[in-house]
Amino acid sequence: MDETRPEGEAVRIYRAYLEAEARRDGATMRRLLHPAIAIEMNGRPALASAEEDEAAMAALFRAYPDVRREIVGYVDGGTGAAIRWRMRGSPSADRPALPPLDIQGASFVTVAEGRMTSAALYGGDNELDRLLALETPEG
């Protein structure tokens, strides 16, 4: 990734979201998402609001307390971007059956007025689906 090239709005907002994610700063994460954001995972609708994203991320943080996602590369289109990422984490002590997390994937995001309006995440065969299932009572 060429760190010297300027980032467009979409990459700046996505990076700010990941930085807030690393700090577990739910208020900032929520502020960076449009309230009615459309989020797909591996081509299927997954989440339909900032509140649903917040619940899914809280479940992820409980299952993988040290989870981190980093940007590996991107193609920036200003108000839209394709962003390659890697997510890693260790399962919490009370969830020893979970495998360590190491997923590489990509997100295709659009932004408007300083917020992400859509995100399509692709990564792993079923790993993203498994992560989304963590928010269910049986997950």
N, C-alpha and C. Protein backbone atom coordinates (compact mmCIF):
# COMPACT_ATOMS: atom_id res chain seq x y z
N MET A 1 0.84 -1.18 0.00
CA MET A 1 0.00 0.00 0.00
C MET A 1 0.88 1.23 0.00
N ASP A 2 0.59 2.20 -0.82
CA ASP A 2 1.35 3.43 -0.90
C ASP A 2 0.82 4.41 0.13
N GLU A 3 1.53 4.53 1.25
CA GLU A 3 1.10 5.40 2.34
C GLU A 3 1.20 6.88 1.99
N THR A 4 1.88 7.24 0.88
CA THR A 4 2.08 8.64 0.55
C THR A 4 0.92 9.22 -0.24
N ARG A 5 0.12 8.39 -0.85
CA ARG A 5 -0.99 8.93 -1.63
C ARG A 5 -2.10 9.40 -0.69
N PRO A 6 -2.78 10.47 -1.05
CA PRO A 6 -3.85 10.97 -0.18
C PRO A 6 -5.05 10.01 -0.18
N GLU A 7 -5.66 9.89 0.96
CA GLU A 7 -6.85 9.06 1.08
C GLU A 7 -8.08 9.89 0.77
N GLY A 8 -9.03 9.28 0.07
CA GLY A 8 -10.30 9.93 -0.16
C GLY A 8 -11.21 9.77 1.05
N GLU A 9 -12.38 10.34 0.96
CA GLU A 9 -13.32 10.35 2.08
C GLU A 9 -13.67 8.93 2.55
N ALA A 10 -13.90 8.02 1.62
CA ALA A 10 -14.32 6.67 2.00
C ALA A 10 -13.25 5.96 2.83
N VAL A 11 -12.00 6.04 2.41
CA VAL A 11 -10.92 5.39 3.16
C VAL A 11 -10.70 6.08 4.49
N ARG A 12 -10.77 7.42 4.52
CA ARG A 12 -10.61 8.14 5.80
C ARG A 12 -11.68 7.72 6.81
N ILE A 13 -12.91 7.60 6.36
CA ILE A 13 -14.00 7.22 7.27
C ILE A 13 -13.84 5.77 7.71
N TYR A 14 -13.49 4.90 6.78
CA TYR A 14 -13.29 3.49 7.13
C TYR A 14 -12.14 3.35 8.14
N ARG A 15 -11.04 4.06 7.91
CA ARG A 15 -9.90 4.01 8.83
C ARG A 15 -10.30 4.54 10.21
N ALA A 16 -11.07 5.62 10.24
CA ALA A 16 -11.53 6.17 11.52
C ALA A 16 -12.41 5.17 12.25
N TYR A 17 -13.24 4.44 11.50
CA TYR A 17 -14.09 3.40 12.10
C TYR A 17 -13.20 2.31 12.71
N LEU A 18 -12.17 1.85 11.98
CA LEU A 18 -11.29 0.80 12.52
C LEU A 18 -10.53 1.30 13.74
N GLU A 19 -10.12 2.56 13.74
CA GLU A 19 -9.44 3.12 14.91
C GLU A 19 -10.37 3.15 16.12
N ALA A 20 -11.62 3.53 15.90
CA ALA A 20 -12.61 3.52 16.98
C ALA A 20 -12.89 2.09 17.44
N GLU A 21 -12.94 1.16 16.49
CA GLU A 21 -13.12 -0.26 16.80
C GLU A 21 -12.00 -0.75 17.70
N ALA A 22 -10.77 -0.37 17.40
CA ALA A 22 -9.62 -0.80 18.20
C ALA A 22 -9.69 -0.24 19.62
N ARG A 23 -10.27 0.94 19.78
CA ARG A 23 -10.42 1.56 21.11
C ARG A 23 -11.69 1.10 21.81
N ARG A 24 -12.53 0.32 21.11
CA ARG A 24 -13.84 -0.10 21.62
C ARG A 24 -14.72 1.12 21.91
N ASP A 25 -14.63 2.09 21.01
CA ASP A 25 -15.33 3.36 21.14
C ASP A 25 -16.63 3.29 20.34
N GLY A 26 -17.65 2.70 20.96
CA GLY A 26 -18.93 2.49 20.28
C GLY A 26 -19.59 3.77 19.82
N ALA A 27 -19.45 4.84 20.58
CA ALA A 27 -20.09 6.11 20.20
C ALA A 27 -19.51 6.63 18.88
N THR A 28 -18.19 6.57 18.74
CA THR A 28 -17.57 7.03 17.50
C THR A 28 -17.91 6.09 16.35
N MET A 29 -17.88 4.78 16.61
CA MET A 29 -18.25 3.82 15.56
C MET A 29 -19.65 4.12 15.04
N ARG A 30 -20.59 4.34 15.96
CA ARG A 30 -21.98 4.62 15.60
C ARG A 30 -22.07 5.92 14.79
N ARG A 31 -21.33 6.94 15.21
CA ARG A 31 -21.36 8.24 14.55
C ARG A 31 -20.84 8.15 13.11
N LEU A 32 -19.94 7.20 12.83
CA LEU A 32 -19.38 7.06 11.49
C LEU A 32 -20.24 6.25 10.54
N LEU A 33 -21.35 5.69 11.05
CA LEU A 33 -22.27 4.90 10.23
C LEU A 33 -23.58 5.65 10.05
N HIS A 34 -24.09 5.63 8.83
CA HIS A 34 -25.44 6.15 8.61
C HIS A 34 -26.40 5.29 9.42
N PRO A 35 -27.41 5.90 10.06
CA PRO A 35 -28.32 5.10 10.90
C PRO A 35 -28.95 3.91 10.16
N ALA A 36 -29.18 4.06 8.85
CA ALA A 36 -29.81 2.99 8.07
C ALA A 36 -28.80 2.34 7.13
N ILE A 37 -27.55 2.20 7.56
CA ILE A 37 -26.52 1.58 6.72
C ILE A 37 -26.94 0.19 6.28
N ALA A 38 -26.62 -0.15 5.06
CA ALA A 38 -26.88 -1.50 4.55
C ALA A 38 -25.55 -2.24 4.53
N ILE A 39 -25.48 -3.35 5.28
CA ILE A 39 -24.24 -4.13 5.36
C ILE A 39 -24.51 -5.53 4.84
N GLU A 40 -23.71 -5.95 3.87
CA GLU A 40 -23.79 -7.31 3.33
C GLU A 40 -22.54 -8.07 3.75
N MET A 41 -22.69 -9.36 3.92
CA MET A 41 -21.55 -10.23 4.17
C MET A 41 -21.58 -11.36 3.15
N ASN A 42 -20.51 -11.48 2.40
CA ASN A 42 -20.39 -12.49 1.35
C ASN A 42 -21.60 -12.52 0.43
N GLY A 43 -22.05 -11.32 0.05
CA GLY A 43 -23.12 -11.20 -0.94
C GLY A 43 -24.53 -11.32 -0.42
N ARG A 44 -24.70 -11.44 0.90
CA ARG A 44 -26.05 -11.56 1.47
C ARG A 44 -26.30 -10.44 2.47
N PRO A 45 -27.51 -9.90 2.50
CA PRO A 45 -27.82 -8.88 3.51
C PRO A 45 -27.53 -9.42 4.91
N ALA A 46 -26.89 -8.59 5.74
CA ALA A 46 -26.51 -9.05 7.08
C ALA A 46 -27.02 -8.11 8.17
N LEU A 47 -26.79 -6.83 8.02
CA LEU A 47 -27.18 -5.85 9.02
C LEU A 47 -27.83 -4.67 8.32
N ALA A 48 -28.79 -4.05 8.99
CA ALA A 48 -29.54 -2.98 8.33
C ALA A 48 -29.59 -1.69 9.13
N SER A 49 -28.71 -1.54 10.12
CA SER A 49 -28.71 -0.30 10.88
C SER A 49 -27.43 -0.18 11.69
N ALA A 50 -27.15 1.03 12.13
CA ALA A 50 -25.99 1.24 13.00
C ALA A 50 -26.17 0.48 14.31
N GLU A 51 -27.41 0.37 14.79
CA GLU A 51 -27.67 -0.36 16.03
C GLU A 51 -27.37 -1.85 15.87
N GLU A 52 -27.73 -2.43 14.73
CA GLU A 52 -27.41 -3.84 14.49
C GLU A 52 -25.90 -4.05 14.39
N ASP A 53 -25.19 -3.10 13.78
CA ASP A 53 -23.74 -3.18 13.71
C ASP A 53 -23.15 -3.13 15.12
N GLU A 54 -23.67 -2.25 15.95
CA GLU A 54 -23.18 -2.12 17.32
C GLU A 54 -23.36 -3.43 18.09
N ALA A 55 -24.51 -4.07 17.95
CA ALA A 55 -24.75 -5.36 18.62
C ALA A 55 -23.80 -6.44 18.11
N ALA A 56 -23.60 -6.48 16.80
CA ALA A 56 -22.70 -7.49 16.22
C ALA A 56 -21.26 -7.26 16.69
N MET A 57 -20.84 -6.01 16.74
CA MET A 57 -19.47 -5.72 17.18
C MET A 57 -19.30 -6.03 18.67
N ALA A 58 -20.31 -5.75 19.48
CA ALA A 58 -20.23 -6.07 20.91
C ALA A 58 -20.07 -7.58 21.11
N ALA A 59 -20.80 -8.37 20.33
CA ALA A 59 -20.67 -9.83 20.42
C ALA A 59 -19.28 -10.27 19.98
N LEU A 60 -18.76 -9.65 18.93
CA LEU A 60 -17.41 -9.98 18.46
C LEU A 60 -16.39 -9.64 19.55
N PHE A 61 -16.51 -8.48 20.20
CA PHE A 61 -15.58 -8.08 21.25
C PHE A 61 -15.65 -9.02 22.45
N ARG A 62 -16.84 -9.52 22.76
CA ARG A 62 -16.96 -10.47 23.88
C ARG A 62 -16.28 -11.80 23.54
N ALA A 63 -16.44 -12.25 22.31
CA ALA A 63 -15.87 -13.53 21.89
C ALA A 63 -14.36 -13.44 21.65
N TYR A 64 -13.91 -12.30 21.12
CA TYR A 64 -12.50 -12.09 20.79
C TYR A 64 -12.08 -10.73 21.37
N PRO A 65 -11.77 -10.68 22.65
CA PRO A 65 -11.50 -9.40 23.31
C PRO A 65 -10.33 -8.61 22.71
N ASP A 66 -9.40 -9.28 22.08
CA ASP A 66 -8.25 -8.59 21.51
C ASP A 66 -8.34 -8.45 19.99
N VAL A 67 -9.52 -8.61 19.42
CA VAL A 67 -9.68 -8.56 17.96
C VAL A 67 -9.18 -7.21 17.42
N ARG A 68 -8.46 -7.29 16.31
CA ARG A 68 -7.96 -6.11 15.62
C ARG A 68 -8.12 -6.32 14.12
N ARG A 69 -8.49 -5.24 13.44
CA ARG A 69 -8.58 -5.28 11.99
C ARG A 69 -7.67 -4.18 11.45
N GLU A 70 -6.89 -4.54 10.44
CA GLU A 70 -5.98 -3.57 9.85
C GLU A 70 -6.19 -3.49 8.36
N ILE A 71 -5.97 -2.31 7.81
CA ILE A 71 -6.05 -2.12 6.37
C ILE A 71 -4.77 -2.63 5.74
N VAL A 72 -4.92 -3.49 4.74
CA VAL A 72 -3.78 -4.06 4.02
C VAL A 72 -3.54 -3.31 2.71
N GLY A 73 -4.60 -2.81 2.11
CA GLY A 73 -4.50 -2.08 0.86
C GLY A 73 -5.86 -1.53 0.48
N TYR A 74 -5.89 -0.64 -0.49
CA TYR A 74 -7.18 -0.09 -0.92
C TYR A 74 -7.10 0.50 -2.31
N VAL A 75 -8.26 0.60 -2.93
CA VAL A 75 -8.45 1.35 -4.16
C VAL A 75 -9.49 2.39 -3.80
N ASP A 76 -9.10 3.63 -3.90
CA ASP A 76 -9.92 4.72 -3.39
C ASP A 76 -10.63 5.43 -4.52
N GLY A 77 -11.92 5.58 -4.40
CA GLY A 77 -12.69 6.30 -5.40
C GLY A 77 -13.35 7.54 -4.84
N GLY A 78 -12.84 8.05 -3.73
CA GLY A 78 -13.42 9.26 -3.13
C GLY A 78 -14.56 8.91 -2.21
N THR A 79 -15.78 8.84 -2.76
CA THR A 79 -16.95 8.51 -1.94
C THR A 79 -17.24 7.01 -1.94
N GLY A 80 -16.37 6.24 -2.57
CA GLY A 80 -16.47 4.78 -2.56
C GLY A 80 -15.07 4.21 -2.59
N ALA A 81 -14.89 3.06 -1.96
CA ALA A 81 -13.56 2.45 -1.93
C ALA A 81 -13.67 0.95 -1.79
N ALA A 82 -12.65 0.28 -2.30
CA ALA A 82 -12.45 -1.16 -2.07
C ALA A 82 -11.26 -1.25 -1.12
N ILE A 83 -11.47 -1.89 0.03
CA ILE A 83 -10.45 -1.91 1.08
C ILE A 83 -10.15 -3.34 1.47
N ARG A 84 -8.88 -3.76 1.33
CA ARG A 84 -8.45 -5.08 1.79
C ARG A 84 -8.06 -4.96 3.25
N TRP A 85 -8.46 -5.96 4.05
CA TRP A 85 -8.18 -5.93 5.48
C TRP A 85 -7.81 -7.31 6.00
N ARG A 86 -7.25 -7.31 7.20
CA ARG A 86 -6.98 -8.55 7.91
C ARG A 86 -7.47 -8.37 9.34
N MET A 87 -8.21 -9.36 9.83
CA MET A 87 -8.76 -9.34 11.18
C MET A 87 -8.18 -10.51 11.96
N ARG A 88 -7.64 -10.21 13.12
CA ARG A 88 -7.05 -11.25 13.96
C ARG A 88 -7.51 -11.08 15.40
N GLY A 89 -7.58 -12.22 16.11
CA GLY A 89 -7.92 -12.17 17.52
C GLY A 89 -7.87 -13.55 18.15
N SER A 90 -7.78 -13.56 19.46
CA SER A 90 -7.79 -14.80 20.25
C SER A 90 -9.12 -14.91 20.97
N PRO A 91 -9.66 -16.12 21.08
CA PRO A 91 -10.94 -16.28 21.76
C PRO A 91 -10.83 -15.93 23.24
N SER A 92 -11.93 -15.46 23.80
CA SER A 92 -11.96 -15.14 25.23
C SER A 92 -11.82 -16.44 26.04
N ALA A 93 -11.37 -16.30 27.26
CA ALA A 93 -11.14 -17.46 28.14
C ALA A 93 -12.41 -18.26 28.35
N ASP A 94 -13.57 -17.59 28.34
CA ASP A 94 -14.83 -18.31 28.57
C ASP A 94 -15.42 -18.89 27.28
N ARG A 95 -14.71 -18.77 26.15
CA ARG A 95 -15.15 -19.35 24.87
C ARG A 95 -14.01 -20.18 24.27
N PRO A 96 -13.45 -21.14 25.00
CA PRO A 96 -12.27 -21.87 24.51
C PRO A 96 -12.53 -22.71 23.25
N ALA A 97 -13.78 -23.00 22.94
CA ALA A 97 -14.06 -23.80 21.74
C ALA A 97 -13.92 -22.99 20.46
N LEU A 98 -13.90 -21.67 20.57
CA LEU A 98 -13.74 -20.85 19.37
C LEU A 98 -12.31 -20.94 18.86
N PRO A 99 -12.15 -21.01 17.56
CA PRO A 99 -10.78 -21.03 17.00
C PRO A 99 -10.19 -19.62 17.02
N PRO A 100 -8.87 -19.51 16.99
CA PRO A 100 -8.26 -18.18 16.83
C PRO A 100 -8.78 -17.56 15.53
N LEU A 101 -8.86 -16.27 15.52
CA LEU A 101 -9.40 -15.54 14.38
C LEU A 101 -8.25 -15.01 13.53
N ASP A 102 -8.28 -15.33 12.25
CA ASP A 102 -7.33 -14.78 11.29
C ASP A 102 -8.01 -14.81 9.92
N ILE A 103 -8.66 -13.71 9.59
CA ILE A 103 -9.44 -13.62 8.35
C ILE A 103 -8.86 -12.49 7.50
N GLN A 104 -8.67 -12.78 6.23
CA GLN A 104 -8.34 -11.73 5.28
C GLN A 104 -9.55 -11.54 4.38
N GLY A 105 -9.86 -10.29 4.11
CA GLY A 105 -11.04 -10.03 3.31
C GLY A 105 -10.99 -8.66 2.68
N ALA A 106 -12.13 -8.24 2.17
CA ALA A 106 -12.25 -6.94 1.54
C ALA A 106 -13.62 -6.36 1.85
N SER A 107 -13.66 -5.05 1.96
CA SER A 107 -14.91 -4.32 2.13
C SER A 107 -15.03 -3.32 1.00
N PHE A 108 -16.22 -3.22 0.47
CA PHE A 108 -16.54 -2.23 -0.54
C PHE A 108 -17.51 -1.27 0.12
N VAL A 109 -17.08 -0.03 0.33
CA VAL A 109 -17.87 0.91 1.11
C VAL A 109 -18.22 2.15 0.29
N THR A 110 -19.35 2.74 0.63
CA THR A 110 -19.73 4.04 0.10
C THR A 110 -19.98 4.95 1.30
N VAL A 111 -19.77 6.25 1.07
CA VAL A 111 -19.95 7.23 2.13
C VAL A 111 -20.69 8.45 1.59
N ALA A 112 -21.32 9.15 2.51
CA ALA A 112 -21.96 10.42 2.20
C ALA A 112 -22.07 11.21 3.50
N GLU A 113 -21.79 12.49 3.42
CA GLU A 113 -21.92 13.39 4.57
C GLU A 113 -21.17 12.88 5.80
N GLY A 114 -19.97 12.33 5.57
CA GLY A 114 -19.12 11.92 6.68
C GLY A 114 -19.47 10.60 7.34
N ARG A 115 -20.33 9.82 6.72
CA ARG A 115 -20.74 8.52 7.28
C ARG A 115 -20.73 7.44 6.22
N MET A 116 -20.46 6.20 6.66
CA MET A 116 -20.60 5.07 5.74
C MET A 116 -22.08 4.82 5.51
N THR A 117 -22.46 4.69 4.25
CA THR A 117 -23.86 4.43 3.90
C THR A 117 -24.09 2.98 3.49
N SER A 118 -23.02 2.32 3.03
CA SER A 118 -23.14 0.90 2.71
C SER A 118 -21.77 0.25 2.85
N ALA A 119 -21.79 -1.03 3.15
CA ALA A 119 -20.56 -1.81 3.25
C ALA A 119 -20.87 -3.24 2.83
N ALA A 120 -20.08 -3.75 1.91
CA ALA A 120 -20.19 -5.15 1.50
C ALA A 120 -18.87 -5.81 1.87
N LEU A 121 -18.92 -6.74 2.82
CA LEU A 121 -17.72 -7.41 3.31
C LEU A 121 -17.63 -8.80 2.70
N TYR A 122 -16.43 -9.15 2.27
CA TYR A 122 -16.17 -10.48 1.73
C TYR A 122 -14.93 -11.03 2.42
N GLY A 123 -15.03 -12.24 2.95
CA GLY A 123 -13.86 -12.84 3.58
C GLY A 123 -14.14 -14.22 4.09
N GLY A 124 -13.19 -15.13 3.91
CA GLY A 124 -13.35 -16.50 4.38
C GLY A 124 -14.56 -17.17 3.77
N ASP A 125 -14.59 -18.48 3.81
CA ASP A 125 -15.75 -19.18 3.26
C ASP A 125 -17.00 -18.91 4.09
N ASN A 126 -16.96 -19.28 5.36
CA ASN A 126 -18.10 -19.06 6.24
C ASN A 126 -17.70 -18.31 7.49
N GLU A 127 -16.49 -17.79 7.53
CA GLU A 127 -16.01 -17.16 8.75
C GLU A 127 -16.80 -15.91 9.11
N LEU A 128 -17.16 -15.08 8.14
CA LEU A 128 -17.94 -13.89 8.46
C LEU A 128 -19.32 -14.28 8.96
N ASP A 129 -19.91 -15.30 8.36
CA ASP A 129 -21.22 -15.77 8.83
C ASP A 129 -21.11 -16.27 10.27
N ARG A 130 -20.02 -16.99 10.58
CA ARG A 130 -19.82 -17.49 11.94
C ARG A 130 -19.69 -16.33 12.91
N LEU A 131 -18.98 -15.29 12.52
CA LEU A 131 -18.82 -14.12 13.39
C LEU A 131 -20.15 -13.42 13.62
N LEU A 132 -20.95 -13.31 12.57
CA LEU A 132 -22.26 -12.67 12.71
C LEU A 132 -23.14 -13.49 13.64
N ALA A 133 -23.01 -14.81 13.62
CA ALA A 133 -23.81 -15.69 14.49
C ALA A 133 -23.44 -15.51 15.96
N LEU A 134 -22.30 -14.91 16.26
CA LEU A 134 -21.91 -14.71 17.66
C LEU A 134 -22.91 -13.82 18.40
N GLU A 135 -23.65 -12.98 17.67
CA GLU A 135 -24.58 -12.09 18.34
C GLU A 135 -25.89 -12.78 18.73
N THR A 136 -26.13 -13.99 18.23
CA THR A 136 -27.35 -14.68 18.59
C THR A 136 -27.19 -15.34 19.96
N PRO A 137 -28.27 -15.57 20.69
CA PRO A 137 -28.17 -16.15 22.02
C PRO A 137 -27.42 -17.47 22.06
N GLU A 138 -27.56 -18.28 21.01
CA GLU A 138 -26.87 -19.56 21.00
C GLU A 138 -25.46 -19.46 20.45
N GLY A 139 -25.07 -18.28 19.90
CA GLY A 139 -23.77 -18.07 19.27
C GLY A 139 -22.62 -18.01 20.23
